[in-house]
Amino acid sequence: MPTLNGRQYTGVKGLNLKADNGAIRFEGSTTAPTTTSGEYLLYVSGGSLYWDNGSSAVALGTSTGGG
């Protein structure tokens, strides 16, 4: 199993969801992962799904102000 930045990953090339519900399941993490530049992650913390681009993390599905 590959290890990257101290975390183990399962390599999946060309992921193609064909199941009836087409869902990807995320389990909540007890600690938000630490990323480095050039690393991109999706993870769940505190009941929210986060996108981390290697320099900042944003909770998806939330608004950040008006406009």
N, C-alpha and C. Protein backbone atom coordinates (compact mmCIF):
# COMPACT_ATOMS: atom_id res chain seq x y z
N MET A 1 0.85 -1.17 0.00
CA MET A 1 0.00 0.00 0.00
C MET A 1 0.89 1.23 0.00
N PRO A 2 0.67 2.18 -0.92
CA PRO A 2 1.51 3.37 -0.98
C PRO A 2 1.32 4.26 0.25
N THR A 3 2.41 4.91 0.65
CA THR A 3 2.37 5.86 1.76
C THR A 3 2.81 7.21 1.23
N LEU A 4 2.06 8.26 1.58
CA LEU A 4 2.34 9.62 1.14
C LEU A 4 2.14 10.54 2.33
N ASN A 5 3.17 11.31 2.68
CA ASN A 5 3.11 12.21 3.83
C ASN A 5 2.66 11.49 5.10
N GLY A 6 3.12 10.26 5.29
CA GLY A 6 2.84 9.50 6.50
C GLY A 6 1.46 8.84 6.52
N ARG A 7 0.68 8.94 5.44
CA ARG A 7 -0.64 8.31 5.38
C ARG A 7 -0.64 7.23 4.31
N GLN A 8 -1.34 6.14 4.58
CA GLN A 8 -1.44 5.06 3.61
C GLN A 8 -2.62 5.30 2.68
N TYR A 9 -2.44 5.02 1.41
CA TYR A 9 -3.47 5.19 0.39
C TYR A 9 -3.60 3.92 -0.42
N THR A 10 -4.76 3.72 -1.00
CA THR A 10 -4.98 2.66 -1.96
C THR A 10 -5.03 3.30 -3.33
N GLY A 11 -4.16 2.89 -4.22
CA GLY A 11 -4.13 3.47 -5.56
C GLY A 11 -5.26 2.91 -6.41
N VAL A 12 -6.07 3.80 -6.97
CA VAL A 12 -7.16 3.40 -7.86
C VAL A 12 -7.06 4.25 -9.11
N LYS A 13 -6.72 3.61 -10.22
CA LYS A 13 -6.63 4.34 -11.49
C LYS A 13 -7.98 4.32 -12.18
N GLY A 14 -8.35 5.44 -12.80
CA GLY A 14 -9.57 5.50 -13.61
C GLY A 14 -10.82 5.11 -12.86
N LEU A 15 -11.05 5.67 -11.70
CA LEU A 15 -12.23 5.37 -10.91
C LEU A 15 -13.49 5.65 -11.72
N ASN A 16 -14.37 4.66 -11.80
CA ASN A 16 -15.60 4.79 -12.56
C ASN A 16 -16.73 4.18 -11.73
N LEU A 17 -17.58 5.04 -11.17
CA LEU A 17 -18.68 4.56 -10.33
C LEU A 17 -19.86 4.16 -11.19
N LYS A 18 -20.23 2.90 -11.13
CA LYS A 18 -21.36 2.42 -11.91
C LYS A 18 -22.47 1.88 -11.03
N ALA A 19 -22.32 1.99 -9.71
CA ALA A 19 -23.35 1.50 -8.80
C ALA A 19 -24.63 2.32 -8.96
N ASP A 20 -25.75 1.75 -8.56
CA ASP A 20 -27.03 2.44 -8.68
C ASP A 20 -27.01 3.81 -8.00
N ASN A 21 -26.38 3.92 -6.83
CA ASN A 21 -26.38 5.21 -6.14
C ASN A 21 -25.14 6.05 -6.48
N GLY A 22 -24.11 5.46 -7.04
CA GLY A 22 -22.92 6.19 -7.45
C GLY A 22 -22.27 7.00 -6.35
N ALA A 23 -22.32 6.54 -5.13
CA ALA A 23 -21.84 7.32 -3.99
C ALA A 23 -20.42 6.93 -3.60
N ILE A 24 -19.70 7.92 -3.09
CA ILE A 24 -18.41 7.69 -2.45
C ILE A 24 -18.61 8.00 -0.98
N ARG A 25 -18.23 7.08 -0.12
CA ARG A 25 -18.45 7.24 1.32
C ARG A 25 -17.18 7.72 2.00
N PHE A 26 -17.31 8.75 2.84
CA PHE A 26 -16.20 9.28 3.62
C PHE A 26 -16.49 9.06 5.09
N GLU A 27 -15.53 8.55 5.83
CA GLU A 27 -15.66 8.47 7.28
C GLU A 27 -15.03 9.71 7.88
N GLY A 28 -15.60 10.18 8.98
CA GLY A 28 -15.06 11.35 9.66
C GLY A 28 -13.68 11.07 10.22
N SER A 29 -12.81 12.07 10.17
CA SER A 29 -11.47 11.93 10.73
C SER A 29 -11.46 12.52 12.13
N THR A 30 -10.61 12.00 12.98
CA THR A 30 -10.49 12.54 14.32
C THR A 30 -9.57 13.75 14.33
N THR A 31 -8.68 13.82 13.36
CA THR A 31 -7.77 14.96 13.21
C THR A 31 -7.71 15.34 11.75
N ALA A 32 -7.88 16.62 11.46
CA ALA A 32 -7.79 17.07 10.08
C ALA A 32 -6.38 16.79 9.55
N PRO A 33 -6.26 16.24 8.34
CA PRO A 33 -4.94 15.92 7.80
C PRO A 33 -4.12 17.17 7.50
N THR A 34 -2.82 17.03 7.61
CA THR A 34 -1.90 18.10 7.24
C THR A 34 -1.47 17.86 5.80
N THR A 35 -1.61 18.87 4.96
CA THR A 35 -1.25 18.72 3.56
C THR A 35 0.00 19.53 3.24
N THR A 36 0.56 19.27 2.10
CA THR A 36 1.69 20.03 1.60
C THR A 36 1.33 20.57 0.23
N SER A 37 2.06 21.54 -0.23
CA SER A 37 1.82 22.13 -1.54
C SER A 37 1.81 21.05 -2.61
N GLY A 38 0.83 21.09 -3.49
CA GLY A 38 0.72 20.10 -4.56
C GLY A 38 -0.06 18.87 -4.18
N GLU A 39 -0.56 18.80 -2.94
CA GLU A 39 -1.37 17.67 -2.50
C GLU A 39 -2.80 18.15 -2.31
N TYR A 40 -3.77 17.41 -2.83
CA TYR A 40 -5.17 17.79 -2.76
C TYR A 40 -5.95 16.70 -2.05
N LEU A 41 -6.81 17.09 -1.09
CA LEU A 41 -7.55 16.12 -0.30
C LEU A 41 -9.01 16.50 -0.15
N LEU A 42 -9.88 15.51 -0.06
CA LEU A 42 -11.24 15.64 0.42
C LEU A 42 -11.31 14.84 1.71
N TYR A 43 -11.85 15.43 2.76
CA TYR A 43 -11.98 14.70 4.02
C TYR A 43 -13.16 15.24 4.82
N VAL A 44 -13.63 14.44 5.77
CA VAL A 44 -14.72 14.85 6.65
C VAL A 44 -14.15 15.12 8.03
N SER A 45 -14.55 16.26 8.58
CA SER A 45 -14.16 16.62 9.94
C SER A 45 -15.31 17.39 10.56
N GLY A 46 -15.74 16.99 11.76
CA GLY A 46 -16.82 17.68 12.44
C GLY A 46 -18.14 17.66 11.68
N GLY A 47 -18.36 16.65 10.87
CA GLY A 47 -19.61 16.53 10.13
C GLY A 47 -19.66 17.32 8.83
N SER A 48 -18.56 17.97 8.44
CA SER A 48 -18.50 18.72 7.18
C SER A 48 -17.46 18.12 6.25
N LEU A 49 -17.74 18.19 4.95
CA LEU A 49 -16.81 17.73 3.94
C LEU A 49 -15.91 18.90 3.55
N TYR A 50 -14.60 18.68 3.61
CA TYR A 50 -13.62 19.73 3.32
C TYR A 50 -12.84 19.42 2.05
N TRP A 51 -12.51 20.47 1.31
CA TRP A 51 -11.59 20.42 0.18
C TRP A 51 -10.34 21.14 0.62
N ASP A 52 -9.19 20.48 0.54
CA ASP A 52 -7.91 21.07 0.92
C ASP A 52 -7.01 21.08 -0.30
N ASN A 53 -6.57 22.27 -0.71
CA ASN A 53 -5.75 22.39 -1.92
C ASN A 53 -4.26 22.44 -1.62
N GLY A 54 -3.86 22.10 -0.42
CA GLY A 54 -2.45 22.10 -0.05
C GLY A 54 -2.02 23.37 0.64
N SER A 55 -2.85 24.43 0.56
CA SER A 55 -2.51 25.67 1.27
C SER A 55 -3.66 26.15 2.15
N SER A 56 -4.89 25.74 1.86
CA SER A 56 -6.03 26.09 2.70
C SER A 56 -7.13 25.05 2.54
N ALA A 57 -7.96 24.95 3.57
CA ALA A 57 -9.09 24.00 3.54
C ALA A 57 -10.38 24.78 3.60
N VAL A 58 -11.38 24.35 2.82
CA VAL A 58 -12.69 25.01 2.75
C VAL A 58 -13.77 23.96 2.97
N ALA A 59 -14.70 24.26 3.87
CA ALA A 59 -15.85 23.38 4.07
C ALA A 59 -16.77 23.52 2.86
N LEU A 60 -17.09 22.42 2.22
CA LEU A 60 -17.96 22.47 1.03
C LEU A 60 -19.42 22.54 1.46
N GLY A 61 -20.20 23.25 0.67
CA GLY A 61 -21.61 23.37 0.96
C GLY A 61 -21.95 24.46 1.93
N THR A 62 -20.99 25.34 2.24
CA THR A 62 -21.26 26.46 3.13
C THR A 62 -21.04 27.74 2.36
N SER A 63 -21.73 28.79 2.77
CA SER A 63 -21.52 30.08 2.13
C SER A 63 -20.52 30.88 2.95
N THR A 64 -19.83 31.79 2.29
CA THR A 64 -18.80 32.57 2.96
C THR A 64 -19.08 34.06 2.84
N GLY A 65 -20.34 34.45 2.89
CA GLY A 65 -20.66 35.87 2.84
C GLY A 65 -21.61 36.19 1.72
N GLY A 66 -22.06 37.42 1.72
CA GLY A 66 -23.02 37.86 0.71
C GLY A 66 -22.34 38.59 -0.42
N GLY A 67 -23.11 38.93 -1.42
CA GLY A 67 -22.51 39.65 -2.52
C GLY A 67 -23.47 40.22 -3.47
